[in-house]
Protein backbone atom coordinates (compact mmCIF):
# COMPACT_ATOMS: atom_id res chain seq x y z
CA MET A 1 -30.35 196.79 17.57
CA THR A 2 -32.60 196.18 20.55
CA ILE A 3 -36.08 197.34 21.50
CA GLU A 4 -35.86 200.82 22.97
CA PRO A 5 -37.11 201.08 26.58
CA ASP A 6 -39.35 204.02 25.67
CA ALA A 7 -41.15 201.93 23.03
CA PRO A 8 -42.34 198.74 24.79
CA ILE A 9 -45.39 198.46 22.49
CA SER A 10 -44.11 199.62 19.11
CA GLY A 11 -40.45 198.66 19.54
CA ARG A 12 -40.62 195.45 17.51
CA PHE A 13 -42.45 197.29 14.72
CA LEU A 14 -39.66 199.87 14.69
CA LEU A 15 -37.09 197.07 14.32
CA ASN A 16 -39.12 195.24 11.69
CA ARG A 17 -41.70 197.00 9.52
CA GLY A 18 -40.79 200.48 10.78
CA ARG A 19 -37.14 200.07 9.92
CA LYS A 20 -37.22 203.09 7.61
CA ARG A 21 -35.96 206.05 9.60
CA MET A 22 -38.38 207.75 11.96
CA THR A 23 -37.62 210.77 14.11
CA PRO A 24 -37.75 210.53 17.91
CA GLU A 25 -40.91 212.66 17.79
CA GLU A 26 -42.58 210.24 15.36
CA ARG A 27 -41.57 207.23 17.44
CA ALA A 28 -42.96 208.83 20.59
CA ALA A 29 -46.21 209.78 18.84
CA LEU A 30 -46.73 206.23 17.58
CA GLU A 31 -46.03 204.70 20.98
CA ALA A 32 -48.42 207.12 22.71
CA ALA A 33 -51.23 206.40 20.25
CA PHE A 34 -51.92 202.87 21.51
CA ASP A 35 -54.64 202.26 24.08
CA GLY A 36 -52.53 199.68 25.91
CA VAL A 37 -51.72 196.00 25.65
CA ARG A 38 -54.18 193.15 26.15
CA SER A 39 -53.71 189.39 26.09
CA VAL A 40 -55.68 186.95 23.92
CA PRO A 41 -55.49 183.14 24.25
CA ALA A 42 -54.33 180.85 21.45
CA ARG A 43 -56.66 179.64 18.70
CA ARG A 44 -59.19 182.46 18.99
CA THR A 45 -60.72 184.43 16.11
CA VAL A 46 -60.28 188.09 17.03
CA ILE A 47 -61.66 189.77 13.90
CA GLU A 48 -64.36 188.11 11.80
CA ARG A 49 -64.79 188.44 8.07
CA GLY A 50 -67.00 191.41 7.22
CA ALA A 51 -66.63 193.02 10.64
CA PRO A 52 -66.15 196.80 10.60
CA VAL A 53 -62.61 197.96 11.32
CA ASP A 54 -62.68 200.82 13.82
CA ARG A 55 -59.08 200.46 15.00
CA SER A 56 -55.70 199.20 13.84
CA THR A 57 -54.03 196.49 15.88
CA LEU A 58 -50.35 195.74 16.40
CA LEU A 59 -49.12 192.29 17.40
CA VAL A 60 -46.72 192.87 20.30
CA GLU A 61 -45.95 189.23 21.10
CA GLY A 62 -46.92 185.86 19.65
CA VAL A 63 -48.12 184.55 16.28
CA MET A 64 -51.41 185.24 14.49
CA CYS A 65 -52.87 184.45 11.08
CA ARG A 66 -55.37 185.59 8.51
CA TYR A 67 -57.50 182.86 6.98
CA LEU A 68 -60.59 181.82 5.03
CA ASP A 69 -62.71 178.68 5.44
CA ASP A 70 -64.43 176.85 2.61
CA GLN A 71 -67.99 175.50 2.89
CA GLN A 72 -66.70 172.25 4.38
CA GLY A 73 -64.82 174.12 7.09
CA HIS A 74 -61.37 173.53 5.63
CA ARG A 75 -59.07 176.42 6.43
CA GLN A 76 -56.55 178.14 4.16
CA LEU A 77 -54.05 180.40 5.90
CA LEU A 78 -53.51 183.59 3.90
CA GLY A 79 -50.71 185.07 5.98
CA LEU A 80 -48.86 184.81 9.27
CA TYR A 81 -48.18 187.69 11.63
CA ILE A 82 -45.21 187.92 13.96
CA ALA A 83 -44.35 190.43 16.68
CA GLY A 84 -44.08 193.89 15.17
CA ASP A 85 -46.73 193.35 12.48
CA PHE A 86 -49.95 195.32 12.23
CA ILE A 87 -52.59 192.64 11.75
CA ASP A 88 -55.27 194.77 10.10
CA LEU A 89 -53.65 197.97 8.86
CA HIS A 90 -54.85 197.13 5.34
CA GLY A 91 -58.39 197.47 6.71
CA PHE A 92 -57.84 201.14 7.59
CA PRO A 93 -58.95 202.48 4.17
CA LEU A 94 -61.31 199.55 3.50
CA GLU A 95 -63.18 199.90 6.84
CA ARG A 96 -63.86 196.16 6.96
CA LEU A 97 -62.01 192.91 6.33
CA ASP A 98 -62.75 190.21 3.75
CA HIS A 99 -61.14 187.45 5.83
CA ASP A 100 -60.84 186.30 9.44
CA ILE A 101 -57.91 186.99 11.77
CA ALA A 102 -57.05 184.58 14.58
CA THR A 103 -54.42 183.87 17.18
CA ILE A 104 -52.20 180.82 16.80
CA THR A 105 -50.36 181.22 20.10
CA ASP A 106 -51.21 183.18 23.21
CA VAL A 107 -50.61 186.76 22.11
CA ARG A 108 -50.34 190.32 23.33
CA ILE A 109 -51.84 193.01 21.10
CA ALA A 110 -52.31 196.77 21.22
CA SER A 111 -54.66 198.91 19.14
CA VAL A 112 -55.06 202.47 17.90
CA PRO A 113 -58.60 203.82 17.37
CA ARG A 114 -59.31 204.74 13.75
CA GLU A 115 -59.85 208.46 14.34
CA ARG A 116 -56.69 208.71 16.40
CA LEU A 117 -54.69 207.01 13.65
CA LYS A 118 -56.15 209.39 11.05
CA ASP A 119 -55.01 212.33 13.16
CA LEU A 120 -51.60 210.74 13.73
CA VAL A 121 -50.80 210.28 10.04
CA ALA A 122 -52.12 213.76 9.23
CA ARG A 123 -49.70 215.29 11.73
CA HIS A 124 -46.76 213.05 10.80
CA PRO A 125 -46.53 212.47 7.02
CA ASN A 126 -43.33 210.45 7.34
CA LEU A 127 -45.06 208.10 9.78
CA ALA A 128 -47.85 207.73 7.23
CA ARG A 129 -45.26 206.67 4.66
CA THR A 130 -43.81 204.18 7.13
CA LEU A 131 -47.23 202.59 7.70
CA TRP A 132 -47.80 202.59 3.94
CA PHE A 133 -44.46 200.81 3.52
CA SER A 134 -45.68 198.16 5.95
CA THR A 135 -48.86 197.49 3.96
CA THR A 136 -46.95 197.35 0.66
CA VAL A 137 -44.62 194.72 2.14
CA ASP A 138 -47.75 192.74 3.08
CA ALA A 139 -48.91 193.02 -0.53
CA ALA A 140 -45.50 191.84 -1.77
CA MET A 141 -45.73 188.80 0.48
CA HIS A 142 -49.19 188.01 -0.89
CA ARG A 143 -47.80 188.04 -4.44
CA GLU A 144 -45.01 185.71 -3.40
CA TRP A 145 -47.47 183.35 -1.68
CA ILE A 146 -49.50 183.21 -4.92
CA PHE A 147 -46.33 182.26 -6.79
CA ARG A 148 -45.51 179.63 -4.20
CA MET A 149 -48.94 178.02 -4.35
CA GLY A 150 -49.22 178.19 -8.12
CA ARG A 151 -45.75 177.23 -9.34
CA LEU A 152 -43.97 175.20 -6.65
CA GLY A 153 -44.42 171.56 -5.70
CA ALA A 154 -44.95 170.37 -2.14
CA THR A 155 -41.28 170.41 -1.13
CA GLY A 156 -40.72 173.81 -2.71
CA ARG A 157 -43.75 175.28 -0.96
CA VAL A 158 -42.63 174.22 2.50
CA ALA A 159 -39.03 175.24 1.76
CA HIS A 160 -40.23 178.66 0.59
CA PHE A 161 -42.45 179.13 3.63
CA PHE A 162 -39.59 178.21 5.98
CA SER A 163 -37.23 180.54 4.08
CA GLU A 164 -39.64 183.45 4.39
CA MET A 165 -40.36 182.94 8.08
CA ASP A 166 -36.65 182.60 8.83
CA ALA A 167 -35.96 185.90 7.04
CA ARG A 168 -38.88 187.75 8.62
CA LEU A 169 -38.12 186.59 12.15
CA ARG A 170 -34.47 187.55 11.83
CA LEU A 171 -35.43 190.96 10.43
CA ALA A 172 -37.47 191.44 13.61
CA GLU A 173 -34.40 190.28 15.57
CA LEU A 174 -36.17 187.22 16.93
CA GLY A 175 -34.03 184.13 17.32
CA ASP A 176 -30.32 183.42 17.30
CA GLU A 177 -27.79 181.00 15.84
CA GLY A 178 -29.81 178.15 17.34
CA GLY A 179 -32.78 179.02 15.15
CA VAL A 180 -35.85 181.23 15.09
CA PRO A 181 -39.02 180.75 17.16
CA LEU A 182 -41.93 179.53 15.04
CA PRO A 183 -44.50 178.14 17.50
CA ILE A 184 -46.90 176.63 14.99
CA ASN A 185 -47.74 173.00 14.24
CA GLN A 186 -47.70 170.80 11.13
CA THR A 187 -51.39 171.46 10.49
CA ASP A 188 -50.66 175.20 10.37
CA VAL A 189 -47.87 174.57 7.86
CA ALA A 190 -50.22 172.37 5.83
CA GLU A 191 -52.97 175.00 5.80
CA THR A 192 -50.41 177.59 4.72
CA CYS A 193 -48.99 175.50 1.88
CA GLY A 194 -52.17 173.84 0.60
CA LEU A 195 -51.08 170.36 1.68
CA THR A 196 -52.13 167.70 4.16
CA ALA A 197 -50.37 167.36 7.51
CA VAL A 198 -49.17 163.91 6.45
CA HIS A 199 -47.60 165.34 3.30
CA VAL A 200 -45.95 168.13 5.30
CA ASN A 201 -44.46 165.53 7.63
CA ARG A 202 -42.86 163.75 4.67
CA VAL A 203 -41.52 167.02 3.27
CA MET A 204 -40.02 168.06 6.60
CA ARG A 205 -38.33 164.68 6.91
CA ARG A 206 -36.77 165.18 3.48
CA LEU A 207 -35.56 168.69 4.37
CA ARG A 208 -34.04 167.32 7.56
CA GLU A 209 -32.39 164.33 5.87
CA ASP A 210 -31.01 166.55 3.10
CA GLY A 211 -29.39 168.79 5.72
CA LEU A 212 -31.41 171.86 4.74
CA ALA A 213 -33.71 172.65 7.67
CA THR A 214 -35.22 171.23 10.82
CA PHE A 215 -38.49 172.23 12.44
CA ARG A 216 -39.01 170.81 15.88
CA SER A 217 -40.77 171.94 19.08
CA GLY A 218 -41.62 175.34 17.65
CA VAL A 219 -38.08 176.18 16.56
CA LEU A 220 -37.02 176.50 12.92
CA ARG A 221 -33.33 175.96 12.25
CA ILE A 222 -31.91 176.49 8.77
CA GLU A 223 -28.90 174.23 8.31
CA ASN A 224 -28.10 175.17 4.70
CA ARG A 225 -29.67 178.51 3.82
CA LYS A 226 -28.35 178.71 0.26
CA GLY A 227 -29.46 175.17 -0.48
CA LEU A 228 -32.92 175.77 0.98
CA HIS A 229 -33.33 178.99 -0.97
CA ARG A 230 -32.27 177.28 -4.18
CA LEU A 231 -34.85 174.55 -3.65
CA ALA A 232 -37.52 177.13 -2.82
CA GLU A 233 -36.62 179.57 -5.62
CA PHE A 234 -36.50 182.10 -2.78
CA SER A 235 -35.05 185.59 -2.60
CA ASP A 236 -35.81 187.96 0.25
CA ASP A 237 -35.98 190.96 -2.12
CA TYR A 238 -39.77 191.16 -1.72
CA LEU A 239 -39.34 191.78 2.03
CA TYR A 240 -37.35 194.94 1.20
CA PRO A 241 -34.74 194.46 3.93
CA ASP A 242 -32.41 197.34 4.71
CA ARG A 243 -29.71 194.93 5.87
CA PRO A 244 -28.62 191.47 4.67
CA VAL A 245 -30.69 188.61 6.07
CA SER A 246 -30.03 185.84 3.55
CA SER A 247 -26.35 185.14 4.06
């Protein structure tokens, strides 16, 4: 599958989170709902905690994150967004967010005003179910991240994170046999896994030396997927794929 030429904004969503069947009319309605694409530089907070949510935003290109800071300014990443993910769809019924959302790389995003989205889902119930599916997958990932942080050691956490990102990026048809693009740094991995950057460096060296995975220059390459998944206690079931991604 490739991105359809008539869906330059929502095409990656249709491949990834919108992979449940949508009619041509629904696809066209979703594409037409966006105000257009804008660019945002790397390492910028785009939605602040507590800010009202008056639109829903789709990540068209790049990597973003949701996060919280403690009183000392230490950051914990709560989730990563890749192309095709709505970054704040969960805020649609809540009307505000309880965390910050920031860019990690230079990104391109597109948004749908709240009232327009309400009208869209009212006119297209199946599209509403597709967007609901997307938010429930987000919730499933949150549960898995809680498991990872609470029950796995340092090596298992990083292995699980790499396993998930590999699966998600391939579901979105990003990457090839040479690996998947993951343009983040060791500090980002550390803030995702509740570790220090020094500890992450040691873990990545072990994964590399054990022939499981390499992460270099923004590219993640899984050398032994079954072995990595075994170490991470990982199954992609919680991503609800409609095609195999873990072979």
